[in-house]
Structure formats: structure tokens, C-alpha cells
């Protein structure tokens, strides 16, 4: 079984599209309005930004959590939690052994919580 799609709520589709284009660094792959659907590609998994979908917390791997938080802050995003180590990988169960997992949390343009994750070598 594979993950195919994640849906995220948007009250303002245009505003949400701009936020996720900035965060992901690429434009949507498809927009259908009406009925209010915007699709982004996350490495083969679709992120659906949808008018009327329930809010979800999504976690996205980023190359540099500090730079990503800085870029989003400059664009006006609310930072709920600054980058910090949340877990050290002593084995390969949840991530590469010998790395620290850094998390930060921001609110997207629609108020949904987005976790940003970076794995750094110790």
C-alpha cells in the first residue's frame, strides 16, 4: 500500500496556492476551479489544497529548516515553533543512524499547521 494523496483545507485558494508554491519551490501541477482544487506534486504523492477540506497537520522534509523558516517568516507566515532537535536517531528505525531530526512548525496562509523536518548529521 502506498500513500497517494494528502488533502489540506483552504479558505482562499489563490492565497493558499501562493503559500505552497513558495514553500515547495514549484507551482501546482493542476488547478480545477470550480470546484476549488489545486494539486502539487510531493515526489509522487499529491498534495491537494481544497476548499472545504478538513485541516490537517502535514510534515514536509526540507533541506535547510533554518533557511525555510526564514523565507516563510519574511513572506509573513506565523512561526509556531523555531527549529529545534526533536529526536536523535541512534539506529535506522525512523531515520538514518547518526542524524538529529530538527523540526519547526509554521502556519500556512489558511491557519493549518505545517511541520518542517530536516535530518542533520551529528
C-alpha atoms as a PDB file:
ATOM      1  CA  UNK A   1       0.000   0.000   0.000  1.00  0.00           C
ATOM      2  CA  UNK A   2       1.326   3.447  -0.930  1.00  0.00           C
ATOM      3  CA  UNK A   3       0.307   6.944   0.078  1.00  0.00           C
ATOM      4  CA  UNK A   4      -1.322   8.637  -2.916  1.00  0.00           C
ATOM      5  CA  UNK A   5      -2.660  11.973  -1.688  1.00  0.00           C
ATOM      6  CA  UNK A   6      -2.910  14.320   1.275  1.00  0.00           C
ATOM      7  CA  UNK A   7      -5.650  16.964   1.422  1.00  0.00           C
ATOM      8  CA  UNK A   8      -5.307  20.331   3.142  1.00  0.00           C
ATOM      9  CA  UNK A   9      -8.009  22.937   3.804  1.00  0.00           C
ATOM     10  CA  UNK A  10      -8.013  26.269   2.007  1.00  0.00           C
ATOM     11  CA  UNK A  11     -10.449  29.120   2.582  1.00  0.00           C
ATOM     12  CA  UNK A  12      -8.765  31.263  -0.076  1.00  0.00           C
ATOM     13  CA  UNK A  13      -7.473  29.058  -2.889  1.00  0.00           C
ATOM     14  CA  UNK A  14      -5.325  31.756  -4.515  1.00  0.00           C
ATOM     15  CA  UNK A  15      -3.646  32.685  -1.220  1.00  0.00           C
ATOM     16  CA  UNK A  16      -3.050  29.008  -0.333  1.00  0.00           C
ATOM     17  CA  UNK A  17      -1.621  28.325  -3.803  1.00  0.00           C
ATOM     18  CA  UNK A  18       0.851  31.187  -3.353  1.00  0.00           C
ATOM     19  CA  UNK A  19       1.920  29.873   0.082  1.00  0.00           C
ATOM     20  CA  UNK A  20       2.525  26.294  -1.076  1.00  0.00           C
ATOM     21  CA  UNK A  21       4.263  27.472  -4.270  1.00  0.00           C
ATOM     22  CA  UNK A  22       6.683  29.457  -2.068  1.00  0.00           C
ATOM     23  CA  UNK A  23       7.155  26.607   0.422  1.00  0.00           C
ATOM     24  CA  UNK A  24       7.610  23.839  -2.151  1.00  0.00           C
ATOM     25  CA  UNK A  25       9.533  25.914  -4.673  1.00  0.00           C
ATOM     26  CA  UNK A  26       7.343  24.834  -7.572  1.00  0.00           C
ATOM     27  CA  UNK A  27       3.916  25.712  -8.934  1.00  0.00           C
ATOM     28  CA  UNK A  28       0.897  23.424  -8.818  1.00  0.00           C
ATOM     29  CA  UNK A  29       0.645  20.655 -11.397  1.00  0.00           C
ATOM     30  CA  UNK A  30      -3.110  21.145 -11.837  1.00  0.00           C
ATOM     31  CA  UNK A  31      -5.870  23.554 -10.786  1.00  0.00           C
ATOM     32  CA  UNK A  32      -9.601  22.915 -11.082  1.00  0.00           C
ATOM     33  CA  UNK A  33     -11.672  25.904 -10.003  1.00  0.00           C
ATOM     34  CA  UNK A  34     -14.533  25.265  -9.797  1.00  0.00           C
ATOM     35  CA  UNK A  35     -14.800  23.179  -7.703  1.00  0.00           C
ATOM     36  CA  UNK A  36     -11.759  24.588  -5.839  1.00  0.00           C
ATOM     37  CA  UNK A  37      -8.920  22.045  -6.126  1.00  0.00           C
ATOM     38  CA  UNK A  38      -5.188  22.678  -6.518  1.00  0.00           C
ATOM     39  CA  UNK A  39      -2.685  19.817  -6.806  1.00  0.00           C
ATOM     40  CA  UNK A  40       1.042  19.881  -6.033  1.00  0.00           C
ATOM     41  CA  UNK A  41       3.470  17.009  -6.553  1.00  0.00           C
ATOM     42  CA  UNK A  42       5.444  15.899  -3.485  1.00  0.00           C
ATOM     43  CA  UNK A  43       7.758  13.351  -5.060  1.00  0.00           C
ATOM     44  CA  UNK A  44       4.918  11.258  -6.431  1.00  0.00           C
ATOM     45  CA  UNK A  45       2.422  11.975  -3.629  1.00  0.00           C
ATOM     46  CA  UNK A  46      -0.234  14.570  -4.418  1.00  0.00           C
ATOM     47  CA  UNK A  47      -0.861  17.455  -2.045  1.00  0.00           C
ATOM     48  CA  UNK A  48      -4.434  18.555  -2.658  1.00  0.00           C
ATOM     49  CA  UNK A  49      -5.253  22.053  -1.441  1.00  0.00           C
ATOM     50  CA  UNK A  50      -9.028  22.082  -1.376  1.00  0.00           C
ATOM     51  CA  UNK A  51     -11.781  24.477  -0.484  1.00  0.00           C
ATOM     52  CA  UNK A  52     -13.777  22.813   2.272  1.00  0.00           C
ATOM     53  CA  UNK A  53     -11.315  20.013   3.153  1.00  0.00           C
ATOM     54  CA  UNK A  54     -10.654  19.439   6.861  1.00  0.00           C
ATOM     55  CA  UNK A  55      -7.486  20.890   8.348  1.00  0.00           C
ATOM     56  CA  UNK A  56      -4.529  18.519   8.738  1.00  0.00           C
ATOM     57  CA  UNK A  57      -1.003  18.740  10.092  1.00  0.00           C
ATOM     58  CA  UNK A  58       1.451  17.761   7.398  1.00  0.00           C
ATOM     59  CA  UNK A  59       5.184  17.244   7.832  1.00  0.00           C
ATOM     60  CA  UNK A  60       7.491  18.102   4.944  1.00  0.00           C
ATOM     61  CA  UNK A  61      11.171  17.245   4.672  1.00  0.00           C
ATOM     62  CA  UNK A  62      13.279  20.292   3.810  1.00  0.00           C
ATOM     63  CA  UNK A  63      16.987  20.641   3.036  1.00  0.00           C
ATOM     64  CA  UNK A  64      17.558  23.529   5.456  1.00  0.00           C
ATOM     65  CA  UNK A  65      14.943  24.112   8.151  1.00  0.00           C
ATOM     66  CA  UNK A  66      16.502  27.398   9.305  1.00  0.00           C
ATOM     67  CA  UNK A  67      16.515  28.889   5.797  1.00  0.00           C
ATOM     68  CA  UNK A  68      12.984  27.629   5.096  1.00  0.00           C
ATOM     69  CA  UNK A  69      11.622  29.168   8.305  1.00  0.00           C
ATOM     70  CA  UNK A  70      13.419  32.431   7.495  1.00  0.00           C
ATOM     71  CA  UNK A  71      11.989  32.549   3.965  1.00  0.00           C
ATOM     72  CA  UNK A  72       8.458  31.843   5.209  1.00  0.00           C
ATOM     73  CA  UNK A  73       8.749  34.373   8.051  1.00  0.00           C
ATOM     74  CA  UNK A  74       9.836  37.056   5.560  1.00  0.00           C
ATOM     75  CA  UNK A  75       6.740  36.213   3.495  1.00  0.00           C
ATOM     76  CA  UNK A  76       4.538  36.772   6.564  1.00  0.00           C
ATOM     77  CA  UNK A  77       3.973  33.221   7.814  1.00  0.00           C
ATOM     78  CA  UNK A  78       3.421  32.701  11.534  1.00  0.00           C
ATOM     79  CA  UNK A  79       6.175  30.607  13.098  1.00  0.00           C
ATOM     80  CA  UNK A  80       4.702  28.491  15.892  1.00  0.00           C
ATOM     81  CA  UNK A  81       7.937  26.737  16.852  1.00  0.00           C
ATOM     82  CA  UNK A  82      11.509  27.650  15.931  1.00  0.00           C
ATOM     83  CA  UNK A  83      13.841  24.929  14.597  1.00  0.00           C
ATOM     84  CA  UNK A  84      14.903  22.531  17.342  1.00  0.00           C
ATOM     85  CA  UNK A  85      16.134  18.957  17.730  1.00  0.00           C
ATOM     86  CA  UNK A  86      13.232  16.675  18.453  1.00  0.00           C
ATOM     87  CA  UNK A  87      14.922  13.294  18.104  1.00  0.00           C
ATOM     88  CA  UNK A  88      18.358  11.715  17.756  1.00  0.00           C
ATOM     89  CA  UNK A  89      18.489   8.642  15.529  1.00  0.00           C
ATOM     90  CA  UNK A  90      20.600   6.055  17.354  1.00  0.00           C
ATOM     91  CA  UNK A  91      19.556   3.388  14.822  1.00  0.00           C
ATOM     92  CA  UNK A  92      17.829   3.290  11.434  1.00  0.00           C
ATOM     93  CA  UNK A  93      14.291   2.656  12.725  1.00  0.00           C
ATOM     94  CA  UNK A  94      12.831   6.113  11.945  1.00  0.00           C
ATOM     95  CA  UNK A  95      15.683   7.770  10.091  1.00  0.00           C
ATOM     96  CA  UNK A  96      19.342   7.447   9.262  1.00  0.00           C
ATOM     97  CA  UNK A  97      21.521   6.412  12.210  1.00  0.00           C
ATOM     98  CA  UNK A  98      23.765   9.235  13.417  1.00  0.00           C
ATOM     99  CA  UNK A  99      21.438  12.084  12.495  1.00  0.00           C
ATOM    100  CA  UNK A 100      19.469  14.565  14.542  1.00  0.00           C
ATOM    101  CA  UNK A 101      15.923  15.289  13.446  1.00  0.00           C
ATOM    102  CA  UNK A 102      15.153  19.010  13.534  1.00  0.00           C
ATOM    103  CA  UNK A 103      11.548  20.252  13.479  1.00  0.00           C
ATOM    104  CA  UNK A 104       9.933  23.653  13.161  1.00  0.00           C
ATOM    105  CA  UNK A 105       6.240  24.465  12.839  1.00  0.00           C
ATOM    106  CA  UNK A 106       4.599  27.227  10.816  1.00  0.00           C
ATOM    107  CA  UNK A 107       1.031  28.161   9.970  1.00  0.00           C
ATOM    108  CA  UNK A 108       0.159  28.200   6.300  1.00  0.00           C
ATOM    109  CA  UNK A 109      -1.880  31.034   4.835  1.00  0.00           C
ATOM    110  CA  UNK A 110      -5.088  29.247   5.857  1.00  0.00           C
ATOM    111  CA  UNK A 111      -4.118  28.600   9.502  1.00  0.00           C
ATOM    112  CA  UNK A 112      -3.152  24.930   9.034  1.00  0.00           C
ATOM    113  CA  UNK A 113      -0.114  23.678  10.938  1.00  0.00           C
ATOM    114  CA  UNK A 114       2.847  22.574   8.790  1.00  0.00           C
ATOM    115  CA  UNK A 115       5.800  20.690  10.265  1.00  0.00           C
ATOM    116  CA  UNK A 116       9.176  21.231   8.613  1.00  0.00           C
ATOM    117  CA  UNK A 117      11.686  18.405   9.105  1.00  0.00           C
ATOM    118  CA  UNK A 118      15.434  18.328   8.447  1.00  0.00           C
ATOM    119  CA  UNK A 119      17.768  15.434   9.247  1.00  0.00           C
ATOM    120  CA  UNK A 120      21.268  16.658  10.058  1.00  0.00           C
ATOM    121  CA  UNK A 121      24.362  14.539  10.619  1.00  0.00           C
ATOM    122  CA  UNK A 122      25.515  14.702  14.233  1.00  0.00           C
END
